[in-house]
Protein backbone atom coordinates (compact mmCIF):
# COMPACT_ATOMS: atom_id res chain seq x y z
CA UNK A 1 0.00 -0.09 0.02
CA UNK A 2 1.23 3.48 -0.84
CA UNK A 3 1.38 6.06 2.03
CA UNK A 4 -1.10 8.91 1.38
CA UNK A 5 1.77 11.61 1.42
CA UNK A 6 3.78 9.66 -1.30
CA UNK A 7 0.67 8.96 -3.36
CA UNK A 8 -0.04 12.68 -3.50
CA UNK A 9 3.40 13.15 -5.15
CA UNK A 10 3.27 10.22 -7.60
CA UNK A 11 1.76 12.26 -10.48
CA UNK A 12 4.71 14.55 -10.31
CA UNK A 13 7.22 11.69 -10.32
CA UNK A 14 5.21 9.93 -12.96
CA UNK A 15 4.93 12.99 -15.06
CA UNK A 16 8.78 13.52 -14.99
CA UNK A 17 9.31 9.91 -15.79
CA UNK A 18 6.84 9.81 -18.63
CA UNK A 19 8.50 13.06 -19.98
CA UNK A 20 11.84 11.40 -20.03
CA UNK A 21 10.48 8.30 -21.74
CA UNK A 22 8.66 10.37 -24.37
CA UNK A 23 11.84 12.49 -24.99
CA UNK A 24 13.84 9.31 -25.60
CA UNK A 25 11.23 8.01 -27.92
CA UNK A 26 11.41 11.23 -29.92
CA UNK A 27 15.02 10.98 -30.24
CA UNK A 28 14.66 7.42 -31.64
CA UNK A 29 11.92 8.34 -33.92
CA UNK A 30 14.00 11.28 -35.35
CA UNK A 31 16.99 9.03 -35.93
CA UNK A 32 14.63 6.37 -37.75
CA UNK A 33 13.25 9.23 -40.13
CA UNK A 34 9.78 9.33 -38.48
CA UNK A 35 9.34 13.00 -37.85
CA UNK A 36 5.50 12.79 -37.08
CA UNK A 37 6.11 10.33 -34.40
CA UNK A 38 9.07 12.39 -33.03
CA UNK A 39 6.66 15.42 -32.94
CA UNK A 40 4.03 13.81 -31.02
CA UNK A 41 6.47 12.54 -28.40
CA UNK A 42 8.11 15.94 -27.95
CA UNK A 43 4.58 17.46 -27.30
CA UNK A 44 3.93 14.61 -24.87
CA UNK A 45 7.17 15.32 -22.98
CA UNK A 46 6.49 19.19 -22.84
CA UNK A 47 2.98 18.54 -21.48
CA UNK A 48 3.88 15.76 -18.98
CA UNK A 49 6.48 17.94 -17.08
CA UNK A 50 5.82 21.49 -17.98
CA UNK A 51 8.32 22.87 -15.43
CA UNK A 52 11.20 21.53 -17.30
CA UNK A 53 12.13 24.12 -20.00
CA UNK A 54 14.24 21.74 -22.01
CA UNK A 55 11.08 20.04 -23.21
CA UNK A 56 9.36 23.19 -24.19
CA UNK A 57 12.58 24.23 -25.98
CA UNK A 58 12.27 21.04 -27.98
CA UNK A 59 8.69 21.75 -28.81
CA UNK A 60 9.51 25.19 -30.04
CA UNK A 61 12.32 23.91 -32.28
CA UNK A 62 10.15 21.22 -33.71
CA UNK A 63 7.34 23.60 -34.37
CA UNK A 64 9.67 25.94 -36.23
CA UNK A 65 10.80 22.92 -38.43
CA UNK A 66 7.18 22.11 -39.15
CA UNK A 67 6.35 25.80 -39.82
CA UNK A 68 3.74 25.63 -36.95
CA UNK A 69 3.60 29.30 -35.99
CA UNK A 70 0.66 28.78 -33.61
CA UNK A 71 2.48 26.22 -31.47
CA UNK A 72 5.80 28.16 -31.79
CA UNK A 73 4.24 31.44 -30.36
CA UNK A 74 2.60 29.52 -27.52
CA UNK A 75 6.06 27.92 -26.69
CA UNK A 76 7.94 31.17 -26.89
CA UNK A 77 5.43 32.69 -24.38
CA UNK A 78 5.86 29.81 -22.00
CA UNK A 79 9.63 30.06 -22.15
CA UNK A 80 9.37 33.87 -21.54
CA UNK A 81 7.37 33.18 -18.30
CA UNK A 82 9.87 30.48 -17.40
CA UNK A 83 12.82 32.85 -18.20
CA UNK A 84 14.44 29.97 -20.13
CA UNK A 85 15.25 29.15 -23.74
CA UNK A 86 18.38 31.03 -24.59
CA UNK A 87 19.33 28.55 -27.28
CA UNK A 88 15.88 29.06 -28.91
CA UNK A 89 16.52 32.86 -29.40
CA UNK A 90 19.55 31.62 -31.70
CA UNK A 91 17.71 28.81 -33.53
CA UNK A 92 17.88 29.38 -37.32
CA UNK A 93 14.42 27.95 -37.89
CA UNK A 94 12.88 30.23 -35.24
CA UNK A 95 14.60 33.17 -36.53
CA UNK A 96 13.59 32.40 -40.19
CA UNK A 97 9.91 32.25 -39.08
CA UNK A 98 10.27 35.44 -37.14
CA UNK A 99 11.46 37.17 -40.15
CA UNK A 100 8.40 36.32 -42.07
CA UNK A 101 5.70 36.38 -39.30
CA UNK A 102 5.13 39.48 -37.13
CA UNK A 103 3.53 37.65 -34.34
CA UNK A 104 6.51 35.14 -34.11
CA UNK A 105 8.95 38.07 -34.18
CA UNK A 106 6.95 40.04 -31.58
CA UNK A 107 6.94 36.96 -29.25
CA UNK A 108 10.64 36.28 -29.81
CA UNK A 109 11.44 39.81 -28.70
CA UNK A 110 9.48 39.30 -25.59
CA UNK A 111 11.47 36.15 -24.85
CA UNK A 112 14.80 37.90 -25.45
CA UNK A 113 13.68 40.73 -23.09
CA UNK A 114 12.80 38.08 -20.38
CA UNK A 115 16.20 36.75 -20.57
CA UNK A 116 18.10 40.07 -20.16
CA UNK A 117 20.23 40.60 -17.05
CA UNK A 118 18.26 42.23 -14.28
CA UNK A 119 18.96 45.68 -12.84
CA UNK A 120 20.95 46.32 -10.65
CA UNK A 121 23.35 43.86 -11.81
CA UNK A 122 25.74 41.94 -9.68
CA UNK A 123 29.59 42.32 -9.56
CA UNK A 124 32.91 40.51 -8.92
CA UNK A 125 33.42 39.88 -5.32
CA UNK A 126 36.92 38.40 -5.60
CA UNK A 127 39.03 36.48 -8.13
CA UNK A 128 42.25 34.68 -8.59
CA UNK A 129 44.07 33.96 -11.76
CA UNK A 130 44.68 30.27 -10.71
CA UNK A 131 43.28 28.19 -13.57
CA UNK A 132 44.23 24.91 -12.12
CA UNK A 133 42.12 25.18 -8.88
CA UNK A 134 38.72 24.64 -10.51
CA UNK A 135 36.29 26.13 -7.86
CA UNK A 136 33.09 24.19 -6.96
CA UNK A 137 32.12 24.70 -3.40
CA UNK A 138 32.07 27.96 -1.23
CA UNK A 139 31.35 29.10 2.32
CA UNK A 140 32.30 31.87 4.75
CA UNK A 141 33.27 31.95 8.44
CA UNK A 142 31.05 34.76 9.62
CA UNK A 143 33.08 35.19 12.66
CA UNK A 144 36.28 35.89 10.86
CA UNK A 145 35.18 36.86 7.33
CA UNK A 146 37.48 34.19 5.94
CA UNK A 147 36.04 32.73 2.55
CA UNK A 148 36.66 28.98 2.02
CA UNK A 149 36.65 27.72 -1.66
CA UNK A 150 36.61 23.94 -2.63
CA UNK A 151 38.68 22.82 -5.64
CA UNK A 152 38.07 19.92 -7.89
CA UNK A 153 41.26 19.78 -9.80
CA UNK A 154 43.36 20.94 -6.98
CA UNK A 155 41.81 18.61 -4.65
CA UNK A 156 41.95 21.24 -1.89
CA UNK A 157 40.28 23.70 0.27
CA UNK A 158 41.84 27.11 0.12
CA UNK A 159 41.28 30.49 1.87
CA UNK A 160 40.78 33.29 -0.79
CA UNK A 161 42.07 36.68 0.17
CA UNK A 162 43.32 39.50 -1.99
CA UNK A 163 43.33 37.41 -5.09
CA UNK A 164 45.36 34.64 -3.48
CA UNK A 165 44.49 31.02 -2.73
CA UNK A 166 46.07 29.73 0.36
CA UNK A 167 45.67 26.03 0.89
CA UNK A 168 44.16 24.94 4.13
CA UNK A 169 44.65 21.10 4.16
CA UNK A 170 47.99 19.25 3.64
CA UNK A 171 47.91 18.22 0.02
CA UNK A 172 48.83 14.46 0.92
CA UNK A 173 45.70 14.33 3.10
CA UNK A 174 43.19 14.86 0.38
CA UNK A 175 43.13 12.20 -2.45
CA UNK A 176 39.90 13.11 -4.26
CA UNK A 177 38.25 16.24 -5.82
CA UNK A 178 36.73 18.49 -3.21
CA UNK A 179 33.22 19.28 -4.03
CA UNK A 180 31.71 20.92 -1.02
CA UNK A 181 32.63 22.84 2.06
CA UNK A 182 30.71 24.32 5.02
CA UNK A 183 31.83 26.17 8.22
CA UNK A 184 30.46 25.37 11.54
CA UNK A 185 31.84 28.35 13.46
CA UNK A 186 30.05 27.35 16.74
CA UNK A 187 32.13 24.01 16.85
CA UNK A 188 35.23 25.37 15.12
CA UNK A 189 34.88 22.93 12.41
CA UNK A 190 35.06 22.80 8.54
CA UNK A 191 33.04 19.99 6.94
CA UNK A 192 34.27 18.97 3.58
CA UNK A 193 32.84 16.67 0.98
CA UNK A 194 34.91 14.84 -1.55
CA UNK A 195 33.85 12.73 -4.58
CA UNK A 196 34.47 10.27 -7.20
CA UNK A 197 34.55 12.24 -10.55
CA UNK A 198 35.96 11.25 -13.86
CA UNK A 199 38.25 14.16 -14.15
CA UNK A 200 40.24 12.79 -11.21
CA UNK A 201 41.27 9.81 -13.20
CA UNK A 202 43.40 12.15 -15.45
CA UNK A 203 45.04 13.43 -12.31
CA UNK A 204 46.25 9.92 -11.38
CA UNK A 205 44.19 9.47 -8.26
CA UNK A 206 41.64 6.97 -9.65
CA UNK A 207 42.72 4.25 -7.23
CA UNK A 208 42.41 6.32 -4.03
CA UNK A 209 39.58 8.97 -4.76
CA UNK A 210 36.29 8.27 -2.87
CA UNK A 211 33.29 10.05 -1.64
CA UNK A 212 33.85 11.09 1.89
CA UNK A 213 32.87 13.52 4.51
CA UNK A 214 35.81 15.15 6.33
CA UNK A 215 35.75 16.86 9.76
CA UNK A 216 38.53 19.58 9.52
CA UNK A 217 39.92 21.64 12.32
CA UNK A 218 39.25 25.23 11.43
CA UNK A 219 42.30 26.65 13.08
CA UNK A 220 44.89 24.60 11.35
CA UNK A 221 43.31 22.36 8.61
CA UNK A 222 43.86 19.13 10.33
CA UNK A 223 41.56 16.33 9.21
CA UNK A 224 40.22 15.08 12.58
CA UNK A 225 37.92 12.30 11.09
CA UNK A 226 36.67 10.86 7.86
CA UNK A 227 33.29 9.01 7.03
CA UNK A 228 32.91 7.13 3.79
CA UNK A 229 29.71 8.22 1.95
CA UNK A 230 28.07 4.94 0.83
CA UNK A 231 30.35 2.78 -1.18
CA UNK A 232 32.68 5.75 -1.97
CA UNK A 233 31.75 5.96 -5.60
CA UNK A 234 29.21 8.78 -5.20
CA UNK A 235 29.42 12.52 -6.20
CA UNK A 236 28.32 14.78 -3.32
CA UNK A 237 26.38 17.92 -4.08
CA UNK A 238 26.05 20.42 -1.23
CA UNK A 239 26.26 20.00 2.42
CA UNK A 240 24.84 22.00 5.45
CA UNK A 241 24.92 21.97 9.07
CA UNK A 242 21.87 22.43 11.15
CA UNK A 243 21.82 24.39 14.46
CA UNK A 244 21.79 21.14 16.48
CA UNK A 245 25.25 20.18 14.78
CA UNK A 246 23.71 17.55 12.48
CA UNK A 247 25.42 17.46 9.18
CA UNK A 248 23.52 16.74 5.79
CA UNK A 249 25.24 15.86 2.60
CA UNK A 250 23.41 15.29 -0.78
CA UNK A 251 24.68 12.80 -3.31
CA UNK A 252 23.31 13.28 -6.91
CA UNK A 253 25.05 10.12 -8.29
CA UNK A 254 23.40 7.92 -5.66
CA UNK A 255 20.16 9.81 -5.36
CA UNK A 256 20.30 9.96 -1.54
CA UNK A 257 20.89 12.42 1.45
CA UNK A 258 23.33 11.49 4.17
CA UNK A 259 22.85 12.71 7.81
CA UNK A 260 25.52 12.61 10.34
CA UNK A 261 23.69 13.38 13.73
CA UNK A 262 25.68 15.42 16.21
CA UNK A 263 27.86 13.24 18.50
CA UNK A 264 27.11 10.04 16.46
CA UNK A 265 29.55 7.99 14.50
CA UNK A 266 27.49 6.35 11.91
CA UNK A 267 25.76 8.00 8.80
CA UNK A 268 22.09 7.71 8.01
CA UNK A 269 20.87 7.51 4.46
CA UNK A 270 17.51 8.79 3.14
CA UNK A 271 16.09 7.87 -0.27
CA UNK A 272 12.73 8.94 -1.81
CA UNK A 273 11.06 8.56 -5.10
CA UNK A 274 11.30 12.42 -5.50
CA UNK A 275 15.03 12.51 -4.71
CA UNK A 276 16.69 11.84 -8.02
CA UNK A 277 19.35 14.47 -8.28
CA UNK A 278 19.81 16.23 -4.88
CA UNK A 279 21.97 19.23 -4.81
CA UNK A 280 21.65 22.05 -2.33
CA UNK A 281 20.07 21.63 1.10
CA UNK A 282 18.88 24.07 3.69
CA UNK A 283 17.60 23.17 7.33
CA UNK A 284 15.12 25.44 9.04
CA UNK A 285 16.48 27.15 12.26
CA UNK A 286 14.22 24.95 14.47
CA UNK A 287 15.64 21.68 12.83
CA UNK A 288 12.13 20.38 11.76
CA UNK A 289 12.20 20.87 8.03
CA UNK A 290 14.86 20.68 5.30
CA UNK A 291 14.47 21.84 1.66
CA UNK A 292 16.51 20.06 -1.01
CA UNK A 293 17.16 21.45 -4.43
CA UNK A 294 16.55 18.47 -6.64
CA UNK A 295 18.00 19.18 -10.19
CA UNK A 296 15.49 17.08 -11.83
CA UNK A 297 12.21 17.35 -9.78
CA UNK A 298 12.51 20.79 -8.29
CA UNK A 299 12.49 22.03 -4.74
CA UNK A 300 11.52 19.45 -2.17
CA UNK A 301 10.17 19.84 1.41
CA UNK A 302 11.49 17.24 3.84
CA UNK A 303 9.81 16.85 7.16
CA UNK A 304 12.71 15.62 9.40
CA UNK A 305 10.35 14.28 12.03
CA UNK A 306 8.05 12.13 9.83
CA UNK A 307 10.24 11.51 6.90
CA UNK A 308 7.70 13.05 4.43
CA UNK A 309 9.05 14.39 1.29
CA UNK A 310 6.93 16.51 -1.13
CA UNK A 311 7.60 18.75 -4.01
CA UNK A 312 7.28 22.45 -3.41
CA UNK A 313 4.84 23.93 -5.99
CA UNK A 314 6.16 26.85 -8.19
CA UNK A 315 4.38 30.11 -8.78
CA UNK A 316 2.37 29.78 -11.98
CA UNK A 317 4.66 29.83 -15.18
CA UNK A 318 7.87 29.68 -13.11
CA UNK A 319 10.08 26.65 -12.50
CA UNK A 320 12.22 25.44 -9.57
CA UNK A 321 14.09 22.60 -11.39
CA UNK A 322 17.83 22.93 -12.17
CA UNK A 323 18.80 24.61 -8.73
CA UNK A 324 22.31 23.60 -7.56
CA UNK A 325 23.36 25.72 -4.71
CA UNK A 326 20.82 26.74 -2.04
CA UNK A 327 20.89 29.05 1.03
CA UNK A 328 18.48 30.63 3.42
CA UNK A 329 18.22 34.38 4.01
CA UNK A 330 15.67 36.03 6.12
CA UNK A 331 12.98 33.29 5.68
CA UNK A 332 13.58 33.12 1.97
CA UNK A 333 15.70 30.85 -0.08
CA UNK A 334 18.44 31.92 -2.55
CA UNK A 335 19.15 29.50 -5.43
CA UNK A 336 21.73 28.99 -7.96
CA UNK A 337 19.70 27.90 -10.93
CA UNK A 338 22.29 26.52 -13.48
CA UNK A 339 20.21 23.58 -14.86
CA UNK A 340 18.38 26.04 -17.27
CA UNK A 341 19.71 28.48 -19.72
CA UNK A 342 20.54 31.12 -19.08
CA UNK A 343 21.77 30.43 -15.62
CA UNK A 344 20.69 32.72 -12.93
CA UNK A 345 20.45 33.57 -9.19
CA UNK A 346 16.85 33.43 -7.85
CA UNK A 347 15.25 34.69 -4.68
CA UNK A 348 12.36 32.45 -3.56
CA UNK A 349 9.58 33.37 -1.11
CA UNK A 350 7.74 30.41 0.47
CA UNK A 351 4.54 30.20 2.40
CA UNK A 352 4.88 29.80 6.14
CA UNK A 353 4.75 26.03 6.08
CA UNK A 354 7.21 25.94 3.14
CA UNK A 355 5.03 23.85 0.81
CA UNK A 356 4.63 26.45 -1.92
CA UNK A 357 6.70 29.02 -3.42
CA UNK A 358 4.60 32.26 -3.86
CA UNK A 359 7.14 34.37 -5.59
CA UNK A 360 10.49 33.99 -7.52
CA UNK A 361 12.80 36.82 -8.53
CA UNK A 362 15.87 36.59 -10.71
CA UNK A 363 18.41 38.74 -9.02
CA UNK A 364 21.59 37.97 -11.15
CA UNK A 365 22.02 36.81 -14.77
CA UNK A 366 25.10 37.31 -16.81
CA UNK A 367 25.50 36.24 -20.51
CA UNK A 368 27.80 34.42 -20.15
CA UNK A 369 29.43 33.81 -16.73
CA UNK A 370 33.17 33.01 -16.96
CA UNK A 371 32.25 29.24 -16.38
CA UNK A 372 29.36 27.41 -14.56
CA UNK A 373 27.76 28.98 -11.57
CA UNK A 374 27.48 26.53 -8.68
CA UNK A 375 27.05 27.35 -5.14
CA UNK A 376 27.14 30.40 -2.91
CA UNK A 377 26.97 31.74 0.62
CA UNK A 378 25.50 34.56 2.44
CA UNK A 379 27.92 37.41 3.64
CA UNK A 380 25.86 40.03 5.44
CA UNK A 381 23.24 41.08 2.91
CA UNK A 382 25.02 39.77 -0.09
CA UNK A 383 24.95 36.36 -1.89
CA UNK A 384 28.35 35.57 -3.06
CA UNK A 385 28.69 32.60 -5.47
CA UNK A 386 31.16 30.64 -7.63
CA UNK A 387 30.96 31.95 -11.22
CA UNK A 388 33.65 30.13 -12.85
CA UNK A 389 33.50 26.42 -12.19
CA UNK A 390 35.07 24.56 -15.10
CA UNK A 391 32.73 21.83 -15.88
CA UNK A 392 31.83 23.18 -19.36
CA UNK A 393 35.48 22.84 -20.31
CA UNK A 394 35.84 19.09 -19.82
CA UNK A 395 33.74 16.17 -21.08
CA UNK A 396 32.23 13.29 -18.93
CA UNK A 397 35.65 11.51 -19.07
CA UNK A 398 37.64 14.44 -17.96
CA UNK A 399 39.17 15.37 -21.54
CA UNK A 400 39.48 19.05 -22.28
CA UNK A 401 36.81 20.44 -24.40
CA UNK A 402 37.23 23.43 -26.85
CA UNK A 403 40.07 25.85 -27.21
CA UNK A 404 38.76 28.65 -24.84
CA UNK A 405 41.14 29.39 -22.06
CA UNK A 406 40.25 28.10 -18.70
CA UNK A 407 38.89 30.71 -16.29
CA UNK A 408 40.52 31.30 -12.85
CA UNK A 409 38.51 31.66 -9.62
CA UNK A 410 35.82 34.20 -9.91
CA UNK A 411 33.35 34.91 -7.29
CA UNK A 412 30.43 37.18 -7.93
CA UNK A 413 28.22 39.02 -5.40
CA UNK A 414 24.63 40.27 -5.61
CA UNK A 415 22.90 42.55 -3.05
CA UNK A 416 19.80 40.89 -1.43
CA UNK A 417 16.55 42.64 -0.65
CA UNK A 418 15.98 42.75 3.14
């Protein structure tokens, strides 16, 4: 028997799964030279999971190929509301129809306006010319102002100050890419998550790299304790520390969340049908609720007492999928939404019970950022985030892609509305 709470969420889970299946069928039909079949499945995918812009982009592209201006205009309007669809604005088929049809041209301009950077725009907070470091995780010690950056290629946590990266942990102690870092100033601890990523195989560490949670002494970078995450082959996303001292680590590769309760030695593992690609995680101050940014399914509300996980509903016409980093600020959530194009920083207002997002506002969007934007941290009334993660410069096997020079470490900041 399915529990009522889970049963209420199954349409969302099923809708996402149906969309993925339809999308795969469309690709197969296209390769087989069956355009009508592909078109039907593209539309099924877009309708089944309307908050995923990639499917709507596909519908717009197919509509343009078929000369279906009515469907194209409808798709362009939907993408404008979602503030997504950057590639569609450059699509030759779409632009060709816009040149011949005034309504298409007008709607395309509406989409382009929706994707423009907001005002006031953010700015660079700090940067380093180090192109080997490969920044990914970020946090700040509010008591000292020290900014800690996690490095994938460097396999290091460093303190960034005046354009210089000063390693915190002895190099021989870290044998895997560092993906996440979180300060617990109350307990003078730095929590670090490492992972098993293909890029490390090209660094000669394939035999020793593993997914781990490290407890590091803040004052001198000594690793006090290690916990293997699952079988050690996962790829942790974000981590957070609750007021109680409990540590939570998400793992997108294993579709789970690890929890280390304060004072305990063993990790708890939570899985759920909705948890498919968990990234950022925030725990409410009273420790009763956590919000998980699931890259595939959107923002999830996790009741830590009952274990109930449910999807947070979006404002009409907006989407919460594709969020990576997540932080709390004055009762709101600040998210790094890099799973849709163009990437942006969003400010999310929730209902009192945290089950619905009643407002979303884009507060930073550059075109383009130096690299991927990933995670950020709150410094006073500013959100500071990594803007130059190097994932786009390497393929899934860790081989270099393209001829563009690698970016250094660039952190951007955007002012938050109080």
